[in-house]
Amino acid sequence: MTTVFGAGHDGPAGHEQVVFCQDAQSGLRAIIAIYSTALGPALGGTRFYPYASEDAALADVLNLSRAMAYKNALAGLDLGGGKAVIIGDPDRLKSEPLLRAYGRFVQSLNGRYITACDIGTDSEDMDVVARECSFVTGRTVPNGGAGDSSVLTAFGVYQGMRAAAEHVWGAASLDGRTVGIEGVGKVGHRLVDHLVSDGARVVIFDTSESAVERVRAQHHEVTVAPSRADLLRSPLEVYSPCALGGAVDDETAAILGDRGVKIICGGANNQMAHPGVEKVLADLGIVYAPDYLVNSGGVIQVADELHGFNFDRAKARAAQILGTTREILAAADADGVPPAVAADRLAERRIAEVGRLRGIYLGG
């Protein structure tokens, strides 16, 4: 394990600590990034993905860990932001020795980082990691965990979308609106359930035929776009990216603006291809509900495990995403800035104002 810098020293993008982990025998190559522990231990999932290079993995984990700090702050959690990536194809490389080796590296950080599930890992994997590590959440229900965190992730995205609809059309409902969902995996297919129940018209696209068929089996009224291009050029009012990040680039923004889309609100992380896209969307009159705000239901769900999981308590906290999204969209209008800027300001204010309280000596 190599730590490239530690607490008290600014690293890339202001990170407190970045740790490179390797266990040659199991094939483990991982990077753990801790952006901030100002509000508490850094909580964030472990992504298992076949990155093209270590540089690509490092760039991803730095972006994701920063987003987790802001996400946890906006969710009102007493937790900082961190993330980990395991480099490789999980279908080929994942094994008990590798996961347990990873768990020992997480344990060596003595609670500065708490891990959970992400793309390429699941609750069963966290149970294996937990055999070597005390700082794990997102575990299976038989082991005291919350199970599938996509349940409250989708619920939170739906609450954020309701707030955006209220901001644009005056009613916190998607009834009669056309919503395009890109990616109907764990989160996307649950979001379809909420939207159909609310009376929305739903158009979906996914590269996985099985994912599409699962949605169609439950909701015959859903329209399936044959390609991403067809989805984007459908008569949408809301675009919901629920696959991988970077979905909204300049070209996509221009297409959505031309088609009259009014809202972007989805479950994917890091939806903007680059920071300038947010200004492009604002100029086009498209309201972007920041992803790290609206998709925080999942981290709220797994964070609740740290106190002994109670679904009703976690769902009540995730329901507050509606009010926080309202607050941020109103602040963005009042200050004349994109919603992501308003969201950053709110998160940074909480990190600064609450985080400084750790400087008050408690005695003992």
Protein backbone atom coordinates (compact mmCIF):
# COMPACT_ATOMS: atom_id res chain seq x y z
CA MET A 1 0.00 0.00 0.00
CA THR A 2 1.32 3.42 -0.96
CA THR A 3 -0.12 6.68 0.37
CA VAL A 4 0.78 9.51 -1.94
CA PHE A 5 -0.09 12.19 0.58
CA GLY A 6 -1.77 12.39 3.95
CA ALA A 7 -4.15 14.47 6.02
CA GLY A 8 -3.14 18.09 6.33
CA HIS A 9 -1.59 18.19 2.85
CA ASP A 10 -3.45 19.25 -0.27
CA GLY A 11 -3.42 16.59 -2.95
CA PRO A 12 -4.99 16.59 -6.40
CA ALA A 13 -8.20 18.66 -6.38
CA GLY A 14 -7.81 19.23 -2.64
CA HIS A 15 -7.97 15.58 -1.56
CA GLU A 16 -6.74 14.67 1.91
CA GLN A 17 -5.35 11.27 0.99
CA VAL A 18 -4.99 8.91 -1.97
CA VAL A 19 -3.88 5.34 -1.36
CA PHE A 20 -2.64 2.85 -3.97
CA CYS A 21 -3.17 -0.79 -2.98
CA GLN A 22 -1.73 -3.92 -4.59
CA ASP A 23 -1.76 -7.63 -3.81
CA ALA A 24 -0.08 -9.47 -6.67
CA GLN A 25 -1.18 -12.97 -5.70
CA SER A 26 -4.92 -12.19 -5.78
CA GLY A 27 -4.56 -9.72 -8.65
CA LEU A 28 -5.80 -6.78 -6.58
CA ARG A 29 -4.96 -3.30 -7.86
CA ALA A 30 -7.03 -0.63 -6.13
CA ILE A 31 -7.03 3.08 -5.39
CA ILE A 32 -8.77 4.63 -2.37
CA ALA A 33 -9.34 8.39 -2.46
CA ILE A 34 -10.40 10.40 0.59
CA TYR A 35 -11.55 13.88 -0.37
CA SER A 36 -12.66 15.18 3.02
CA THR A 37 -13.25 14.00 6.58
CA ALA A 38 -14.41 17.39 7.83
CA LEU A 39 -17.93 16.10 8.57
CA GLY A 40 -16.88 12.60 9.61
CA PRO A 41 -15.37 9.42 8.16
CA ALA A 42 -15.30 9.38 4.36
CA LEU A 43 -18.09 7.15 3.03
CA GLY A 44 -18.25 6.00 -0.58
CA GLY A 45 -18.60 2.84 -2.63
CA THR A 46 -16.07 0.57 -4.30
CA ARG A 47 -16.22 0.55 -8.10
CA PHE A 48 -14.83 -2.59 -9.82
CA TYR A 49 -14.20 -1.66 -13.44
CA PRO A 50 -11.79 -2.54 -16.31
CA TYR A 51 -10.17 0.87 -16.68
CA ALA A 52 -7.98 1.39 -19.73
CA SER A 53 -5.11 2.58 -17.54
CA GLU A 54 -4.18 3.42 -13.96
CA ASP A 55 -4.35 7.11 -14.89
CA ALA A 56 -7.96 6.66 -16.01
CA ALA A 57 -8.77 4.89 -12.74
CA LEU A 58 -7.11 7.65 -10.72
CA ALA A 59 -9.02 10.38 -12.56
CA ASP A 60 -12.31 8.57 -11.93
CA VAL A 61 -11.72 7.94 -8.22
CA LEU A 62 -10.68 11.56 -7.64
CA ASN A 63 -13.84 12.87 -9.31
CA LEU A 64 -16.10 10.35 -7.58
CA SER A 65 -14.66 10.95 -4.10
CA ARG A 66 -15.12 14.70 -4.38
CA ALA A 67 -18.71 14.18 -5.51
CA MET A 68 -19.28 11.91 -2.49
CA ALA A 69 -18.15 14.66 -0.10
CA TYR A 70 -20.66 17.07 -1.63
CA LYS A 71 -23.36 14.39 -1.84
CA ASN A 72 -23.01 13.44 1.83
CA ALA A 73 -22.98 17.09 2.88
CA LEU A 74 -26.15 17.90 0.90
CA ALA A 75 -27.84 14.80 2.32
CA GLY A 76 -27.28 16.13 5.82
CA LEU A 77 -25.05 13.20 6.81
CA ASP A 78 -22.24 13.48 9.35
CA LEU A 79 -19.92 11.80 6.88
CA GLY A 80 -17.12 12.94 4.62
CA GLY A 81 -16.47 11.88 1.06
CA GLY A 82 -14.36 9.06 -0.30
CA LYS A 83 -14.39 6.45 -3.04
CA ALA A 84 -12.42 3.41 -4.13
CA VAL A 85 -11.83 1.70 -7.45
CA ILE A 86 -10.59 -1.81 -8.15
CA ILE A 87 -8.96 -2.04 -11.57
CA GLY A 88 -10.04 -5.02 -13.68
CA ASP A 89 -12.98 -6.95 -15.09
CA PRO A 90 -15.06 -8.14 -12.14
CA ASP A 91 -16.44 -11.06 -14.18
CA ARG A 92 -12.91 -12.45 -14.56
CA LEU A 93 -10.96 -11.11 -11.61
CA LYS A 94 -13.34 -10.95 -8.65
CA SER A 95 -12.62 -13.60 -6.01
CA GLU A 96 -12.78 -14.14 -2.26
CA PRO A 97 -9.00 -13.64 -1.81
CA LEU A 98 -9.07 -10.39 -3.80
CA LEU A 99 -12.03 -8.97 -1.88
CA ARG A 100 -10.54 -9.97 1.46
CA ALA A 101 -7.19 -8.46 0.51
CA TYR A 102 -9.03 -5.25 -0.38
CA GLY A 103 -10.80 -5.38 2.98
CA ARG A 104 -7.47 -5.46 4.80
CA PHE A 105 -6.32 -2.33 2.98
CA VAL A 106 -9.54 -0.53 3.96
CA GLN A 107 -9.09 -1.73 7.55
CA SER A 108 -5.56 -0.31 7.60
CA LEU A 109 -7.03 3.20 7.27
CA ASN A 110 -8.54 2.78 10.78
CA GLY A 111 -11.99 4.12 9.94
CA ARG A 112 -11.02 7.17 7.89
CA TYR A 113 -12.78 5.47 4.96
CA ILE A 114 -15.99 3.40 5.05
CA THR A 115 -16.69 1.40 1.92
CA ALA A 116 -19.90 0.19 0.27
CA CYS A 117 -21.18 -1.11 -3.10
CA ASP A 118 -20.88 0.56 -6.48
CA ILE A 119 -20.67 -0.49 -10.13
CA GLY A 120 -19.15 -3.98 -10.27
CA THR A 121 -19.71 -4.78 -6.59
CA ASP A 122 -22.78 -5.82 -4.62
CA SER A 123 -23.94 -6.49 -1.07
CA GLU A 124 -22.62 -10.06 -1.15
CA ASP A 125 -19.18 -8.70 -2.01
CA MET A 126 -19.36 -6.33 0.96
CA ASP A 127 -20.05 -9.32 3.20
CA VAL A 128 -16.76 -10.83 2.00
CA VAL A 129 -14.86 -7.55 2.49
CA ALA A 130 -16.32 -7.35 6.00
CA ARG A 131 -14.58 -10.60 6.98
CA GLU A 132 -11.36 -8.56 7.05
CA CYS A 133 -12.72 -5.09 7.76
CA SER A 134 -14.94 -3.32 10.30
CA PHE A 135 -15.62 -0.31 8.10
CA VAL A 136 -18.12 -1.69 5.59
CA THR A 137 -21.74 -0.85 4.86
CA GLY A 138 -24.18 -1.77 2.09
CA ARG A 139 -24.27 -5.37 3.34
CA THR A 140 -26.91 -8.06 2.83
CA VAL A 141 -30.06 -8.13 4.94
CA PRO A 142 -29.11 -11.40 6.76
CA ASN A 143 -25.91 -9.68 7.86
CA GLY A 144 -27.69 -6.62 9.23
CA GLY A 145 -27.45 -4.55 6.07
CA ALA A 146 -29.90 -2.54 4.03
CA GLY A 147 -29.67 -4.71 0.93
CA ASP A 148 -30.06 -3.15 -2.50
CA SER A 149 -29.37 0.59 -2.19
CA SER A 150 -30.92 1.27 -5.61
CA VAL A 151 -34.31 1.26 -3.88
CA LEU A 152 -33.80 4.64 -2.22
CA THR A 153 -31.50 5.91 -4.99
CA ALA A 154 -34.41 5.71 -7.44
CA PHE A 155 -36.81 7.13 -4.85
CA GLY A 156 -34.50 10.11 -4.30
CA VAL A 157 -34.10 10.76 -8.04
CA TYR A 158 -37.89 10.76 -8.32
CA GLN A 159 -38.14 13.31 -5.49
CA GLY A 160 -35.57 15.53 -7.20
CA MET A 161 -37.47 15.24 -10.48
CA ARG A 162 -40.70 16.24 -8.74
CA ALA A 163 -38.99 19.33 -7.35
CA ALA A 164 -37.63 20.23 -10.79
CA ALA A 165 -41.09 19.74 -12.32
CA GLU A 166 -42.55 22.05 -9.70
CA HIS A 167 -39.86 24.62 -10.48
CA VAL A 168 -40.57 24.50 -14.22
CA TRP A 169 -44.30 23.77 -14.45
CA GLY A 170 -45.64 24.69 -11.00
CA ALA A 171 -46.66 21.19 -9.85
CA ALA A 172 -44.53 18.55 -8.10
CA SER A 173 -45.71 15.78 -10.41
CA LEU A 174 -44.70 14.15 -13.68
CA ASP A 175 -48.31 13.32 -14.59
CA GLY A 176 -48.72 13.69 -18.34
CA ARG A 177 -45.02 14.52 -18.88
CA THR A 178 -42.72 12.53 -21.18
CA VAL A 179 -39.55 11.30 -19.51
CA GLY A 180 -36.66 9.63 -21.33
CA ILE A 181 -34.51 7.30 -19.22
CA GLU A 182 -31.10 6.25 -20.49
CA GLY A 183 -30.12 3.12 -18.61
CA VAL A 184 -32.71 0.89 -16.92
CA GLY A 185 -30.45 -1.15 -14.68
CA LYS A 186 -30.64 -1.19 -10.89
CA VAL A 187 -31.75 2.43 -10.50
CA GLY A 188 -33.37 3.12 -13.87
CA HIS A 189 -35.90 0.33 -13.77
CA ARG A 190 -37.04 1.35 -10.28
CA LEU A 191 -37.36 4.95 -11.46
CA VAL A 192 -39.67 3.72 -14.23
CA ASP A 193 -41.94 2.27 -11.52
CA HIS A 194 -42.25 5.64 -9.76
CA LEU A 195 -42.85 7.57 -12.98
CA VAL A 196 -45.47 5.21 -14.38
CA SER A 197 -47.30 5.33 -11.04
CA ASP A 198 -47.21 9.13 -11.27
CA GLY A 199 -48.82 9.09 -14.72
CA ALA A 200 -45.74 9.94 -16.80
CA ARG A 201 -45.13 8.75 -20.33
CA VAL A 202 -41.79 6.92 -20.29
CA VAL A 203 -39.32 6.27 -23.10
CA ILE A 204 -36.31 4.05 -22.32
CA PHE A 205 -33.02 3.02 -23.88
CA ASP A 206 -30.44 0.54 -22.65
CA THR A 207 -27.68 -1.39 -24.40
CA SER A 208 -28.80 -4.47 -22.43
CA GLU A 209 -31.73 -6.26 -24.06
CA SER A 210 -32.43 -8.15 -20.84
CA ALA A 211 -32.72 -4.89 -18.88
CA VAL A 212 -35.17 -3.53 -21.45
CA GLU A 213 -37.22 -6.73 -21.43
CA ARG A 214 -37.46 -6.67 -17.63
CA VAL A 215 -39.02 -3.20 -17.79
CA ARG A 216 -41.33 -4.14 -20.66
CA ALA A 217 -42.52 -7.22 -18.76
CA GLN A 218 -43.71 -4.97 -15.93
CA HIS A 219 -44.80 -1.94 -17.95
CA HIS A 220 -46.11 -2.69 -21.43
CA GLU A 221 -46.97 0.98 -21.96
CA VAL A 222 -43.31 2.05 -21.88
CA THR A 223 -41.80 3.00 -25.26
CA VAL A 224 -38.39 1.54 -26.17
CA ALA A 225 -36.02 3.67 -28.24
CA PRO A 226 -33.86 1.55 -30.58
CA SER A 227 -30.75 3.69 -29.97
CA ARG A 228 -29.47 6.48 -27.77
CA ALA A 229 -29.79 8.91 -30.67
CA ASP A 230 -33.46 7.94 -31.05
CA LEU A 231 -34.03 8.46 -27.33
CA LEU A 232 -32.48 11.94 -27.40
CA ARG A 233 -34.52 12.94 -30.45
CA SER A 234 -37.80 11.72 -28.97
CA PRO A 235 -40.34 14.39 -27.93
CA LEU A 236 -39.07 14.44 -24.33
CA GLU A 237 -39.72 16.98 -21.61
CA VAL A 238 -37.36 15.36 -19.10
CA TYR A 239 -34.10 13.51 -19.80
CA SER A 240 -32.91 11.13 -17.09
CA PRO A 241 -29.36 9.72 -17.45
CA CYS A 242 -29.15 6.58 -15.31
CA ALA A 243 -26.18 4.78 -16.90
CA LEU A 244 -22.50 5.77 -16.72
CA GLY A 245 -21.20 9.32 -16.30
CA GLY A 246 -20.39 11.94 -18.91
CA ALA A 247 -23.70 11.52 -20.73
CA VAL A 248 -24.31 15.25 -21.12
CA ASP A 249 -21.76 16.83 -23.43
CA ASP A 250 -22.11 19.86 -25.70
CA GLU A 251 -23.64 17.85 -28.53
CA THR A 252 -26.18 16.17 -26.26
CA ALA A 253 -27.08 19.51 -24.68
CA ALA A 254 -27.68 21.03 -28.11
CA ILE A 255 -29.93 18.14 -29.16
CA LEU A 256 -31.95 18.32 -25.95
CA GLY A 257 -32.30 22.09 -26.27
CA ASP A 258 -33.44 21.75 -29.86
CA ARG A 259 -36.04 19.15 -28.87
CA GLY A 260 -37.45 21.35 -26.09
CA VAL A 261 -36.33 19.30 -23.09
CA LYS A 262 -36.81 21.34 -19.90
CA ILE A 263 -35.26 19.15 -17.18
CA ILE A 264 -32.27 16.85 -16.75
CA CYS A 265 -32.53 14.70 -13.64
CA GLY A 266 -31.07 11.22 -13.33
CA GLY A 267 -29.29 8.66 -11.21
CA ALA A 268 -25.91 8.49 -12.96
CA ASN A 269 -22.84 9.97 -11.27
CA ASN A 270 -20.84 12.77 -12.93
CA GLN A 271 -23.40 13.37 -15.68
CA MET A 272 -21.72 16.50 -17.06
CA ALA A 273 -18.91 15.73 -19.53
CA HIS A 274 -17.14 18.93 -18.42
CA PRO A 275 -18.04 21.85 -16.10
CA GLY A 276 -18.88 24.21 -18.96
CA VAL A 277 -21.90 22.11 -19.95
CA GLU A 278 -23.84 23.42 -16.95
CA LYS A 279 -23.67 26.98 -18.36
CA VAL A 280 -24.73 25.69 -21.79
CA LEU A 281 -27.79 24.04 -20.25
CA ALA A 282 -28.70 27.20 -18.35
CA ASP A 283 -28.44 29.25 -21.54
CA LEU A 284 -30.74 26.75 -23.27
CA GLY A 285 -33.31 27.07 -20.48
CA ILE A 286 -32.80 23.48 -19.30
CA VAL A 287 -32.96 22.93 -15.54
CA TYR A 288 -30.28 20.50 -14.35
CA ALA A 289 -30.96 18.88 -10.98
CA PRO A 290 -27.39 18.07 -9.81
CA ASP A 291 -26.78 14.33 -9.82
CA TYR A 292 -24.89 14.27 -6.50
CA LEU A 293 -27.97 15.81 -4.89
CA VAL A 294 -30.79 13.76 -6.37
CA ASN A 295 -29.06 10.38 -6.39
CA SER A 296 -28.05 10.55 -2.73
CA GLY A 297 -30.84 8.20 -1.62
CA GLY A 298 -28.48 5.26 -1.98
CA VAL A 299 -25.82 6.66 0.31
CA ILE A 300 -28.55 7.69 2.77
CA GLN A 301 -29.73 4.07 2.76
CA VAL A 302 -26.31 2.51 3.38
CA ALA A 303 -25.30 5.22 5.88
CA ASP A 304 -28.34 4.30 7.97
CA GLU A 305 -26.77 0.87 8.53
CA LEU A 306 -24.15 2.52 10.70
CA HIS A 307 -26.91 3.16 13.26
CA GLY A 308 -28.73 -0.18 12.85
CA PHE A 309 -30.74 -0.11 9.65
CA ASN A 310 -34.32 1.15 9.71
CA PHE A 311 -35.90 1.48 6.26
CA ASP A 312 -38.62 3.94 7.30
CA ARG A 313 -36.05 6.25 8.89
CA ALA A 314 -33.82 6.08 5.81
CA LYS A 315 -36.74 6.68 3.44
CA ALA A 316 -37.88 9.69 5.46
CA ARG A 317 -34.41 11.21 5.11
CA ALA A 318 -34.33 10.43 1.38
CA ALA A 319 -37.71 12.16 1.01
CA GLN A 320 -35.99 15.38 2.08
CA ILE A 321 -34.25 15.43 -1.32
CA LEU A 322 -37.45 17.06 -2.57
CA GLY A 323 -37.04 20.05 -0.27
CA THR A 324 -33.29 20.37 -0.76
CA THR A 325 -33.72 20.37 -4.54
CA ARG A 326 -36.36 23.08 -4.22
CA GLU A 327 -33.98 25.16 -2.11
CA ILE A 328 -31.09 24.78 -4.56
CA LEU A 329 -33.14 25.58 -7.67
CA ALA A 330 -34.56 28.68 -5.98
CA ALA A 331 -31.07 29.79 -4.88
CA ALA A 332 -29.74 29.27 -8.41
CA ASP A 333 -32.41 31.56 -9.82
CA ALA A 334 -31.91 34.17 -7.11
CA ASP A 335 -28.13 34.24 -7.58
CA GLY A 336 -28.18 33.92 -11.36
CA VAL A 337 -26.00 30.79 -11.36
CA PRO A 338 -26.43 27.20 -12.62
CA PRO A 339 -27.99 24.81 -10.05
CA ALA A 340 -24.71 22.90 -9.66
CA VAL A 341 -23.01 26.09 -8.48
CA ALA A 342 -25.78 26.70 -5.96
CA ALA A 343 -25.51 23.08 -4.80
CA ASP A 344 -21.73 23.35 -4.42
CA ARG A 345 -22.12 26.51 -2.35
CA LEU A 346 -24.62 24.86 0.00
CA ALA A 347 -22.41 21.77 0.43
CA GLU A 348 -19.26 23.84 0.97
CA ARG A 349 -21.03 26.02 3.53
CA ARG A 350 -22.13 22.98 5.53
CA ILE A 351 -18.67 21.40 5.34
CA ALA A 352 -17.07 24.63 6.55
CA GLU A 353 -19.62 25.58 9.22
CA VAL A 354 -20.16 22.12 10.71
CA GLY A 355 -16.66 20.83 10.06
CA ARG A 356 -15.06 23.65 12.08
CA LEU A 357 -16.89 22.42 15.21
CA ARG A 358 -14.34 19.64 15.46
CA GLY A 359 -11.94 22.31 16.61
CA ILE A 360 -13.95 22.79 19.83
CA TYR A 361 -12.20 20.84 22.57
CA LEU A 362 -14.51 18.38 24.31
CA GLY A 363 -12.23 17.55 27.21
CA GLY A 364 -11.52 14.15 28.62
